Amino acid sequence: MRWLDDPILDMQHLTMRFGGLVAVNDLSFKAARGDITALIGPNGAGKTTVFNCITGFYKPTEGMLSLRHVDGASFLLERLPGHSIAWKAKVARTFQNIRLFSGMTVLENLLVAQHNPLMIASGFTFLGVLGLPSYTKAERAAMDKAKYWLDKTGLLARADDPAGDLPYGAQRRLEIARAMCTEPVLLCLDEPAAGLNPRESHELNELLLSVRKDHATSILLIEHDMSVVMEISDHVVVLDYGTKIADGTPAEVKHDQKVIAAYLGVDDRDVEKVEAEVGV
């Protein structure tokens, strides 16, 4: 199993408590470099809380989250502020509820994502407005990268339109394009297929497989659309009430009795009966 041999993310004993509520309970799993890893489970299972711990929105109550780059650089995410997780550890994410800058154009959304390298090129001063060669070069590179991702996501013709005017499915793709403009080593997607029709879900699958293949980006996704999970995932981790109940390949997880029980809301003893009824 690749996730044991070459993990990009190694989560050990993650626990997140909110007062007396245990949202995530002693969770351990590894996500392999170059894999698409799906984190699934019923509503309220703690999936988004896990994402918030990885990306610095929450500081875990307990546990360790280690991210290792291909060059050997290692980061303990639970010890880093959120901006360092994005900038230094190179972890990017999208959200369940779309968070674009709706008043900006589609192109401007992708340029904003490249704010940090542009500020470095300007020396963190007003020197950029003077047209220094270093800044002009960085600005051209940012524009080229933005156009590349607009083309890859089928949005190049809408570059000058307000992001808020895009159809829902196009806004989902724009969020992924914006995240990829930061050149992440780990891309965290929170329900990217939510609200998409079957055609759009298929296009999303193709885009994510392309991101993994062409850019060697590891992907961790939360998803309720099992057609997406089973078609593109290499590795699936299942949560129920904050606790891991399954961890394996899509085929292994699909036939796991605890997973079936959690999704269908039945007692473990009734799983075989339900399986027979639904033809699993």
C-alpha atoms as a PDB file:
ATOM      1  CA  MET A   1       0.000   0.000   0.000  1.00  0.00           C
ATOM      2  CA  ARG A   2       1.610   3.220  -1.218  1.00  0.00           C
ATOM      3  CA  TRP A   3       0.247   5.324   1.623  1.00  0.00           C
ATOM      4  CA  LEU A   4       2.321   3.286   4.078  1.00  0.00           C
ATOM      5  CA  ASP A   5       5.510   3.367   1.987  1.00  0.00           C
ATOM      6  CA  ASP A   6       5.657   7.021   0.866  1.00  0.00           C
ATOM      7  CA  PRO A   7       3.173   9.218   2.759  1.00  0.00           C
ATOM      8  CA  ILE A   8       3.015  12.922   2.052  1.00  0.00           C
ATOM      9  CA  LEU A   9       0.693  13.359   5.056  1.00  0.00           C
ATOM     10  CA  ASP A  10       1.062  11.329   8.236  1.00  0.00           C
ATOM     11  CA  MET A  11      -1.687  11.976  10.773  1.00  0.00           C
ATOM     12  CA  GLN A  12      -1.194  10.416  14.190  1.00  0.00           C
ATOM     13  CA  HIS A  13      -3.774  10.342  17.002  1.00  0.00           C
ATOM     14  CA  LEU A  14      -5.574  13.514  15.941  1.00  0.00           C
ATOM     15  CA  THR A  15      -8.190  14.546  18.502  1.00  0.00           C
ATOM     16  CA  MET A  16     -10.303  17.683  18.387  1.00  0.00           C
ATOM     17  CA  ARG A  17     -12.564  18.599  21.282  1.00  0.00           C
ATOM     18  CA  PHE A  18     -14.985  21.492  21.543  1.00  0.00           C
ATOM     19  CA  GLY A  19     -15.774  21.622  25.237  1.00  0.00           C
ATOM     20  CA  GLY A  20     -17.351  18.260  26.003  1.00  0.00           C
ATOM     21  CA  LEU A  21     -17.885  17.389  22.339  1.00  0.00           C
ATOM     22  CA  VAL A  22     -15.281  15.140  20.702  1.00  0.00           C
ATOM     23  CA  ALA A  23     -15.481  16.013  16.993  1.00  0.00           C
ATOM     24  CA  VAL A  24     -12.479  13.880  15.988  1.00  0.00           C
ATOM     25  CA  ASN A  25     -11.403  10.952  18.115  1.00  0.00           C
ATOM     26  CA  ASP A  26      -7.834   9.600  18.000  1.00  0.00           C
ATOM     27  CA  LEU A  27      -7.652   9.589  14.197  1.00  0.00           C
ATOM     28  CA  SER A  28      -4.586   8.158  12.471  1.00  0.00           C
ATOM     29  CA  PHE A  29      -4.072   7.656   8.739  1.00  0.00           C
ATOM     30  CA  LYS A  30      -1.534   8.298   5.988  1.00  0.00           C
ATOM     31  CA  ALA A  31      -2.073   9.830   2.544  1.00  0.00           C
ATOM     32  CA  ALA A  32       0.352   8.712  -0.150  1.00  0.00           C
ATOM     33  CA  ARG A  33       2.350  11.077  -2.294  1.00  0.00           C
ATOM     34  CA  GLY A  34       0.700  11.343  -5.689  1.00  0.00           C
ATOM     35  CA  ASP A  35      -2.504   9.622  -4.583  1.00  0.00           C
ATOM     36  CA  ILE A  36      -6.081  10.859  -4.481  1.00  0.00           C
ATOM     37  CA  THR A  37      -7.200  10.115  -0.938  1.00  0.00           C
ATOM     38  CA  ALA A  38     -10.892  10.428  -0.063  1.00  0.00           C
ATOM     39  CA  LEU A  39     -12.147  11.163   3.437  1.00  0.00           C
ATOM     40  CA  ILE A  40     -15.771  10.075   3.591  1.00  0.00           C
ATOM     41  CA  GLY A  41     -18.509   9.476   6.134  1.00  0.00           C
ATOM     42  CA  PRO A  42     -22.061  10.470   7.051  1.00  0.00           C
ATOM     43  CA  ASN A  43     -22.939  14.101   7.825  1.00  0.00           C
ATOM     44  CA  GLY A  44     -21.429  15.160  11.146  1.00  0.00           C
ATOM     45  CA  ALA A  45     -18.674  12.545  10.994  1.00  0.00           C
ATOM     46  CA  GLY A  46     -15.928  15.144  11.571  1.00  0.00           C
ATOM     47  CA  LYS A  47     -14.505  15.351   8.050  1.00  0.00           C
ATOM     48  CA  THR A  48     -14.406  19.150   7.726  1.00  0.00           C
ATOM     49  CA  THR A  49     -12.977  19.401  11.240  1.00  0.00           C
ATOM     50  CA  VAL A  50     -10.080  17.222  10.059  1.00  0.00           C
ATOM     51  CA  PHE A  51      -9.550  19.572   7.107  1.00  0.00           C
ATOM     52  CA  ASN A  52      -9.635  22.585   9.412  1.00  0.00           C
ATOM     53  CA  CYS A  53      -6.922  20.997  11.557  1.00  0.00           C
ATOM     54  CA  ILE A  54      -4.746  20.227   8.521  1.00  0.00           C
ATOM     55  CA  THR A  55      -5.040  23.736   7.104  1.00  0.00           C
ATOM     56  CA  GLY A  56      -4.623  25.651  10.360  1.00  0.00           C
ATOM     57  CA  PHE A  57      -8.167  26.889  10.956  1.00  0.00           C
ATOM     58  CA  TYR A  58      -8.198  24.805  14.154  1.00  0.00           C
ATOM     59  CA  LYS A  59      -5.368  23.824  16.460  1.00  0.00           C
ATOM     60  CA  PRO A  60      -5.825  20.151  17.385  1.00  0.00           C
ATOM     61  CA  THR A  61      -6.435  19.274  21.015  1.00  0.00           C
ATOM     62  CA  GLU A  62      -4.019  16.370  20.596  1.00  0.00           C
ATOM     63  CA  GLY A  63      -2.082  14.667  17.845  1.00  0.00           C
ATOM     64  CA  MET A  64       0.538  15.227  15.171  1.00  0.00           C
ATOM     65  CA  LEU A  65       0.132  16.102  11.489  1.00  0.00           C
ATOM     66  CA  SER A  66       3.366  15.678   9.558  1.00  0.00           C
ATOM     67  CA  LEU A  67       3.723  16.805   5.938  1.00  0.00           C
ATOM     68  CA  ARG A  68       6.810  15.775   3.987  1.00  0.00           C
ATOM     69  CA  HIS A  69       7.896  17.321   0.690  1.00  0.00           C
ATOM     70  CA  VAL A  70       9.623  15.281  -1.989  1.00  0.00           C
ATOM     71  CA  ASP A  71      12.906  17.119  -1.251  1.00  0.00           C
ATOM     72  CA  GLY A  72      12.791  15.844   2.339  1.00  0.00           C
ATOM     73  CA  ALA A  73      11.551  19.056   3.975  1.00  0.00           C
ATOM     74  CA  SER A  74       9.156  18.195   6.790  1.00  0.00           C
ATOM     75  CA  PHE A  75       6.509  20.303   8.533  1.00  0.00           C
ATOM     76  CA  LEU A  76       4.477  19.685  11.676  1.00  0.00           C
ATOM     77  CA  LEU A  77       1.241  21.359  10.621  1.00  0.00           C
ATOM     78  CA  GLU A  78      -0.236  21.565  14.120  1.00  0.00           C
ATOM     79  CA  ARG A  79       2.634  23.881  15.088  1.00  0.00           C
ATOM     80  CA  LEU A  80       2.389  26.258  12.139  1.00  0.00           C
ATOM     81  CA  PRO A  81       0.142  29.311  11.774  1.00  0.00           C
ATOM     82  CA  GLY A  82      -2.380  29.032   8.960  1.00  0.00           C
ATOM     83  CA  HIS A  83      -0.537  31.348   6.557  1.00  0.00           C
ATOM     84  CA  SER A  84       2.652  29.277   6.908  1.00  0.00           C
ATOM     85  CA  ILE A  85       0.760  26.069   6.152  1.00  0.00           C
ATOM     86  CA  ALA A  86      -0.324  27.616   2.860  1.00  0.00           C
ATOM     87  CA  TRP A  87       2.906  29.455   2.022  1.00  0.00           C
ATOM     88  CA  LYS A  88       5.705  27.269   3.431  1.00  0.00           C
ATOM     89  CA  ALA A  89       4.177  23.801   3.715  1.00  0.00           C
ATOM     90  CA  LYS A  90       2.315  24.429   0.415  1.00  0.00           C
ATOM     91  CA  VAL A  91      -1.105  23.105   1.388  1.00  0.00           C
ATOM     92  CA  ALA A  92      -4.090  24.603  -0.450  1.00  0.00           C
ATOM     93  CA  ARG A  93      -7.808  24.038   0.028  1.00  0.00           C
ATOM     94  CA  THR A  94     -11.248  24.768  -1.307  1.00  0.00           C
ATOM     95  CA  PHE A  95     -14.404  25.013   0.768  1.00  0.00           C
ATOM     96  CA  GLN A  96     -17.775  23.296   0.876  1.00  0.00           C
ATOM     97  CA  ASN A  97     -19.380  26.716   0.415  1.00  0.00           C
ATOM     98  CA  ILE A  98     -17.754  28.510  -2.520  1.00  0.00           C
ATOM     99  CA  ARG A  99     -15.537  31.393  -1.386  1.00  0.00           C
ATOM    100  CA  LEU A 100     -14.557  33.264  -4.512  1.00  0.00           C
ATOM    101  CA  PHE A 101     -14.044  37.006  -4.721  1.00  0.00           C
ATOM    102  CA  SER A 102     -17.309  37.380  -6.604  1.00  0.00           C
ATOM    103  CA  GLY A 103     -16.843  41.082  -7.433  1.00  0.00           C
ATOM    104  CA  MET A 104     -13.434  40.469  -9.021  1.00  0.00           C
ATOM    105  CA  THR A 105     -12.998  39.060 -12.485  1.00  0.00           C
ATOM    106  CA  VAL A 106     -12.189  35.410 -13.036  1.00  0.00           C
ATOM    107  CA  LEU A 107      -8.606  36.358 -13.964  1.00  0.00           C
ATOM    108  CA  GLU A 108      -8.184  38.607 -10.931  1.00  0.00           C
ATOM    109  CA  ASN A 109      -9.163  35.737  -8.632  1.00  0.00           C
ATOM    110  CA  LEU A 110      -6.189  33.765  -9.943  1.00  0.00           C
ATOM    111  CA  LEU A 111      -3.801  36.710  -9.701  1.00  0.00           C
ATOM    112  CA  VAL A 112      -4.798  37.336  -6.074  1.00  0.00           C
ATOM    113  CA  ALA A 113      -3.785  33.750  -5.312  1.00  0.00           C
ATOM    114  CA  GLN A 114      -0.257  34.690  -6.422  1.00  0.00           C
ATOM    115  CA  HIS A 115       0.001  37.701  -4.134  1.00  0.00           C
ATOM    116  CA  ASN A 116       2.973  36.380  -2.144  1.00  0.00           C
ATOM    117  CA  PRO A 117       5.480  35.917  -5.006  1.00  0.00           C
ATOM    118  CA  LEU A 118       4.451  39.269  -6.457  1.00  0.00           C
ATOM    119  CA  MET A 119       5.047  40.990  -3.111  1.00  0.00           C
ATOM    120  CA  ILE A 120       8.459  39.333  -2.810  1.00  0.00           C
ATOM    121  CA  ALA A 121       9.356  40.533  -6.309  1.00  0.00           C
ATOM    122  CA  SER A 122       8.371  44.078  -5.313  1.00  0.00           C
ATOM    123  CA  GLY A 123      10.554  43.938  -2.198  1.00  0.00           C
ATOM    124  CA  PHE A 124       7.366  44.430  -0.110  1.00  0.00           C
ATOM    125  CA  THR A 125       7.429  48.089  -1.155  1.00  0.00           C
ATOM    126  CA  PHE A 126       6.061  50.321  -3.905  1.00  0.00           C
ATOM    127  CA  LEU A 127       8.935  49.311  -6.219  1.00  0.00           C
ATOM    128  CA  GLY A 128       6.587  47.248  -8.360  1.00  0.00           C
ATOM    129  CA  VAL A 129       4.906  50.381  -9.701  1.00  0.00           C
ATOM    130  CA  LEU A 130       8.286  51.564 -11.009  1.00  0.00           C
ATOM    131  CA  GLY A 131       8.439  48.672 -13.456  1.00  0.00           C
ATOM    132  CA  LEU A 132      11.572  47.011 -12.094  1.00  0.00           C
ATOM    133  CA  PRO A 133      12.661  44.077 -14.295  1.00  0.00           C
ATOM    134  CA  SER A 134      12.325  41.557 -11.431  1.00  0.00           C
ATOM    135  CA  TYR A 135       8.745  42.617 -10.759  1.00  0.00           C
ATOM    136  CA  THR A 136       7.815  42.737 -14.439  1.00  0.00           C
ATOM    137  CA  LYS A 137       9.116  39.181 -14.832  1.00  0.00           C
ATOM    138  CA  ALA A 138       7.147  37.969 -11.802  1.00  0.00           C
ATOM    139  CA  GLU A 139       4.018  39.727 -13.035  1.00  0.00           C
ATOM    140  CA  ARG A 140       4.330  38.083 -16.457  1.00  0.00           C
ATOM    141  CA  ALA A 141       4.831  34.673 -14.835  1.00  0.00           C
ATOM    142  CA  ALA A 142       1.721  35.189 -12.687  1.00  0.00           C
ATOM    143  CA  MET A 143      -0.315  36.115 -15.734  1.00  0.00           C
ATOM    144  CA  ASP A 144       0.945  33.086 -17.682  1.00  0.00           C
ATOM    145  CA  LYS A 145       0.097  30.755 -14.804  1.00  0.00           C
ATOM    146  CA  ALA A 146      -3.377  32.244 -14.461  1.00  0.00           C
ATOM    147  CA  LYS A 147      -4.038  31.825 -18.191  1.00  0.00           C
ATOM    148  CA  TYR A 148      -2.786  28.234 -18.053  1.00  0.00           C
ATOM    149  CA  TRP A 149      -5.265  27.309 -15.327  1.00  0.00           C
ATOM    150  CA  LEU A 150      -8.090  29.194 -16.997  1.00  0.00           C
ATOM    151  CA  ASP A 151      -7.447  27.190 -20.155  1.00  0.00           C
ATOM    152  CA  LYS A 152      -7.169  23.901 -18.235  1.00  0.00           C
ATOM    153  CA  THR A 153     -10.484  24.507 -16.470  1.00  0.00           C
ATOM    154  CA  GLY A 154     -12.294  25.743 -19.583  1.00  0.00           C
ATOM    155  CA  LEU A 155     -12.665  29.299 -18.288  1.00  0.00           C
ATOM    156  CA  LEU A 156     -10.336  31.266 -20.570  1.00  0.00           C
ATOM    157  CA  ALA A 157     -13.230  32.821 -22.493  1.00  0.00           C
ATOM    158  CA  ARG A 158     -14.708  34.084 -19.213  1.00  0.00           C
ATOM    159  CA  ALA A 159     -11.460  35.621 -17.913  1.00  0.00           C
ATOM    160  CA  ASP A 160     -12.816  39.187 -17.792  1.00  0.00           C
ATOM    161  CA  ASP A 161     -16.246  38.305 -16.388  1.00  0.00           C
ATOM    162  CA  PRO A 162     -17.036  38.781 -12.695  1.00  0.00           C
ATOM    163  CA  ALA A 163     -16.487  35.488 -10.877  1.00  0.00           C
ATOM    164  CA  GLY A 164     -19.946  35.784  -9.345  1.00  0.00           C
ATOM    165  CA  ASP A 165     -21.522  35.637 -12.820  1.00  0.00           C
ATOM    166  CA  LEU A 166     -20.174  32.159 -13.562  1.00  0.00           C
ATOM    167  CA  PRO A 167     -22.490  29.140 -13.443  1.00  0.00           C
ATOM    168  CA  TYR A 168     -22.188  27.065 -10.291  1.00  0.00           C
ATOM    169  CA  GLY A 169     -20.091  24.295 -11.838  1.00  0.00           C
ATOM    170  CA  ALA A 170     -17.688  26.825 -13.371  1.00  0.00           C
ATOM    171  CA  GLN A 171     -17.274  28.488  -9.977  1.00  0.00           C
ATOM    172  CA  ARG A 172     -16.253  25.117  -8.535  1.00  0.00           C
ATOM    173  CA  ARG A 173     -13.589  24.743 -11.230  1.00  0.00           C
ATOM    174  CA  LEU A 174     -12.390  28.304 -10.642  1.00  0.00           C
ATOM    175  CA  GLU A 175     -11.867  27.539  -6.955  1.00  0.00           C
ATOM    176  CA  ILE A 176      -9.667  24.600  -7.883  1.00  0.00           C
ATOM    177  CA  ALA A 177      -7.764  26.731 -10.419  1.00  0.00           C
ATOM    178  CA  ARG A 178      -7.187  29.422  -7.782  1.00  0.00           C
ATOM    179  CA  ALA A 179      -5.870  26.861  -5.316  1.00  0.00           C
ATOM    180  CA  MET A 180      -3.537  25.381  -7.945  1.00  0.00           C
ATOM    181  CA  CYS A 181      -2.062  28.814  -8.670  1.00  0.00           C
ATOM    182  CA  THR A 182      -0.330  28.546  -5.279  1.00  0.00           C
ATOM    183  CA  GLU A 183       1.501  25.410  -6.537  1.00  0.00           C
ATOM    184  CA  PRO A 184       0.472  23.175  -3.619  1.00  0.00           C
ATOM    185  CA  VAL A 185       2.006  19.802  -2.879  1.00  0.00           C
ATOM    186  CA  LEU A 186      -1.241  18.827  -1.124  1.00  0.00           C
ATOM    187  CA  LEU A 187      -4.607  20.014  -2.415  1.00  0.00           C
ATOM    188  CA  CYS A 188      -7.513  19.649   0.042  1.00  0.00           C
ATOM    189  CA  LEU A 189     -10.955  19.742  -1.575  1.00  0.00           C
ATOM    190  CA  ASP A 190     -14.065  19.976   0.600  1.00  0.00           C
ATOM    191  CA  GLU A 191     -16.963  18.426  -1.358  1.00  0.00           C
ATOM    192  CA  PRO A 192     -15.878  19.644  -4.820  1.00  0.00           C
ATOM    193  CA  ALA A 193     -18.747  17.745  -6.517  1.00  0.00           C
ATOM    194  CA  ALA A 194     -21.486  19.174  -4.284  1.00  0.00           C
ATOM    195  CA  GLY A 195     -24.342  20.491  -6.430  1.00  0.00           C
ATOM    196  CA  LEU A 196     -22.882  19.289  -9.725  1.00  0.00           C
ATOM    197  CA  ASN A 197     -24.887  17.421 -12.336  1.00  0.00           C
ATOM    198  CA  PRO A 198     -23.540  14.113 -13.773  1.00  0.00           C
ATOM    199  CA  ARG A 199     -21.795  15.815 -16.707  1.00  0.00           C
ATOM    200  CA  GLU A 200     -20.106  18.329 -14.420  1.00  0.00           C
ATOM    201  CA  SER A 201     -19.090  15.547 -12.017  1.00  0.00           C
ATOM    202  CA  HIS A 202     -17.449  13.701 -14.904  1.00  0.00           C
ATOM    203  CA  GLU A 203     -15.586  16.876 -15.933  1.00  0.00           C
ATOM    204  CA  LEU A 204     -14.455  17.304 -12.322  1.00  0.00           C
ATOM    205  CA  ASN A 205     -13.115  13.743 -12.278  1.00  0.00           C
ATOM    206  CA  GLU A 206     -11.138  14.411 -15.446  1.00  0.00           C
ATOM    207  CA  LEU A 207      -9.743  17.650 -14.031  1.00  0.00           C
ATOM    208  CA  LEU A 208      -8.617  16.074 -10.751  1.00  0.00           C
ATOM    209  CA  LEU A 209      -6.994  13.124 -12.500  1.00  0.00           C
ATOM    210  CA  SER A 210      -5.189  15.589 -14.765  1.00  0.00           C
ATOM    211  CA  VAL A 211      -4.009  17.668 -11.786  1.00  0.00           C
ATOM    212  CA  ARG A 212      -2.595  14.543 -10.174  1.00  0.00           C
ATOM    213  CA  LYS A 213      -0.953  13.267 -13.363  1.00  0.00           C
ATOM    214  CA  ASP A 214       0.412  16.485 -14.873  1.00  0.00           C
ATOM    215  CA  HIS A 215       1.480  18.290 -11.700  1.00  0.00           C
ATOM    216  CA  ALA A 216       2.264  15.450  -9.256  1.00  0.00           C
ATOM    217  CA  THR A 217      -0.119  17.071  -6.798  1.00  0.00           C
ATOM    218  CA  SER A 218      -1.409  14.875  -3.986  1.00  0.00           C
ATOM    219  CA  ILE A 219      -5.139  15.334  -3.398  1.00  0.00           C
ATOM    220  CA  LEU A 220      -7.147  14.863  -0.212  1.00  0.00           C
ATOM    221  CA  LEU A 221     -10.867  15.245  -0.721  1.00  0.00           C
ATOM    222  CA  ILE A 222     -14.069  15.132   1.275  1.00  0.00           C
ATOM    223  CA  GLU A 223     -16.904  13.906  -0.883  1.00  0.00           C
ATOM    224  CA  HIS A 224     -20.442  12.546  -0.584  1.00  0.00           C
ATOM    225  CA  ASP A 225     -20.750  11.700  -4.286  1.00  0.00           C
ATOM    226  CA  MET A 226     -19.705   8.050  -4.266  1.00  0.00           C
ATOM    227  CA  SER A 227     -19.434   7.968  -8.060  1.00  0.00           C
ATOM    228  CA  VAL A 228     -16.602  10.484  -7.749  1.00  0.00           C
ATOM    229  CA  VAL A 229     -14.986   8.718  -4.798  1.00  0.00           C
ATOM    230  CA  MET A 230     -15.055   5.248  -6.325  1.00  0.00           C
ATOM    231  CA  GLU A 231     -13.967   6.362  -9.794  1.00  0.00           C
ATOM    232  CA  ILE A 232     -10.898   8.458  -8.995  1.00  0.00           C
ATOM    233  CA  SER A 233      -9.726   7.633  -5.460  1.00  0.00           C
ATOM    234  CA  ASP A 234      -6.699   5.460  -4.745  1.00  0.00           C
ATOM    235  CA  HIS A 235      -7.326   5.344  -1.011  1.00  0.00           C
ATOM    236  CA  VAL A 236     -10.431   5.879   1.115  1.00  0.00           C
ATOM    237  CA  VAL A 237     -10.662   6.674   4.831  1.00  0.00           C
ATOM    238  CA  VAL A 238     -14.087   6.465   6.468  1.00  0.00           C
ATOM    239  CA  LEU A 239     -15.171   8.355   9.581  1.00  0.00           C
ATOM    240  CA  ASP A 240     -18.261   7.894  11.716  1.00  0.00           C
ATOM    241  CA  TYR A 241     -18.860  10.187  14.715  1.00  0.00           C
ATOM    242  CA  GLY A 242     -15.244  11.333  14.539  1.00  0.00           C
ATOM    243  CA  THR A 243     -13.778   7.823  14.666  1.00  0.00           C
ATOM    244  CA  LYS A 244     -12.115   5.938  11.823  1.00  0.00           C
ATOM    245  CA  ILE A 245     -14.087   2.823  10.925  1.00  0.00           C
ATOM    246  CA  ALA A 246     -12.373   1.837   7.655  1.00  0.00           C
ATOM    247  CA  ASP A 247      -9.145   2.553   5.763  1.00  0.00           C
ATOM    248  CA  GLY A 248      -8.254   0.953   2.436  1.00  0.00           C
ATOM    249  CA  THR A 249      -8.810   0.833  -1.293  1.00  0.00           C
ATOM    250  CA  PRO A 250     -12.201   1.864  -2.727  1.00  0.00           C
ATOM    251  CA  ALA A 251     -13.074  -1.803  -3.366  1.00  0.00           C
ATOM    252  CA  GLU A 252     -12.233  -2.776   0.213  1.00  0.00           C
ATOM    253  CA  VAL A 253     -14.180   0.097   1.726  1.00  0.00           C
ATOM    254  CA  LYS A 254     -17.197  -0.418  -0.526  1.00  0.00           C
ATOM    255  CA  HIS A 255     -17.806  -3.873   0.930  1.00  0.00           C
ATOM    256  CA  ASP A 256     -16.867  -3.105   4.546  1.00  0.00           C
ATOM    257  CA  GLN A 257     -19.797  -3.968   6.812  1.00  0.00           C
ATOM    258  CA  LYS A 258     -19.121  -1.120   9.243  1.00  0.00           C
ATOM    259  CA  VAL A 259     -19.173   1.384   6.375  1.00  0.00           C
ATOM    260  CA  ILE A 260     -22.443   0.033   5.031  1.00  0.00           C
ATOM    261  CA  ALA A 261     -23.957   0.157   8.512  1.00  0.00           C
ATOM    262  CA  ALA A 262     -22.805   3.754   9.065  1.00  0.00           C
ATOM    263  CA  TYR A 263     -24.226   4.981   5.748  1.00  0.00           C
ATOM    264  CA  LEU A 264     -27.484   3.065   5.943  1.00  0.00           C
ATOM    265  CA  GLY A 265     -28.009   3.769   9.617  1.00  0.00           C
ATOM    266  CA  VAL A 266     -28.466   0.164  10.690  1.00  0.00           C
ATOM    267  CA  ASP A 267     -26.993  -1.970  13.428  1.00  0.00           C
ATOM    268  CA  ASP A 268     -23.967  -4.069  12.469  1.00  0.00           C
ATOM    269  CA  ARG A 269     -26.022  -7.237  13.064  1.00  0.00           C
ATOM    270  CA  ASP A 270     -28.493  -6.171  10.356  1.00  0.00           C
ATOM    271  CA  VAL A 271     -25.906  -5.376   7.697  1.00  0.00           C
ATOM    272  CA  GLU A 272     -26.077  -8.720   5.873  1.00  0.00           C
ATOM    273  CA  LYS A 273     -29.867  -8.427   5.637  1.00  0.00           C
ATOM    274  CA  VAL A 274     -29.630  -4.888   4.222  1.00  0.00           C
ATOM    275  CA  GLU A 275     -26.893  -5.902   1.799  1.00  0.00           C
ATOM    276  CA  ALA A 276     -29.122  -8.610   0.389  1.00  0.00           C
ATOM    277  CA  GLU A 277     -32.043  -6.191   0.076  1.00  0.00           C
ATOM    278  CA  VAL A 278     -30.088  -3.542  -1.818  1.00  0.00           C
ATOM    279  CA  GLY A 279     -28.068  -6.022  -3.863  1.00  0.00           C
ATOM    280  CA  VAL A 280     -24.610  -5.176  -2.582  1.00  0.00           C
END
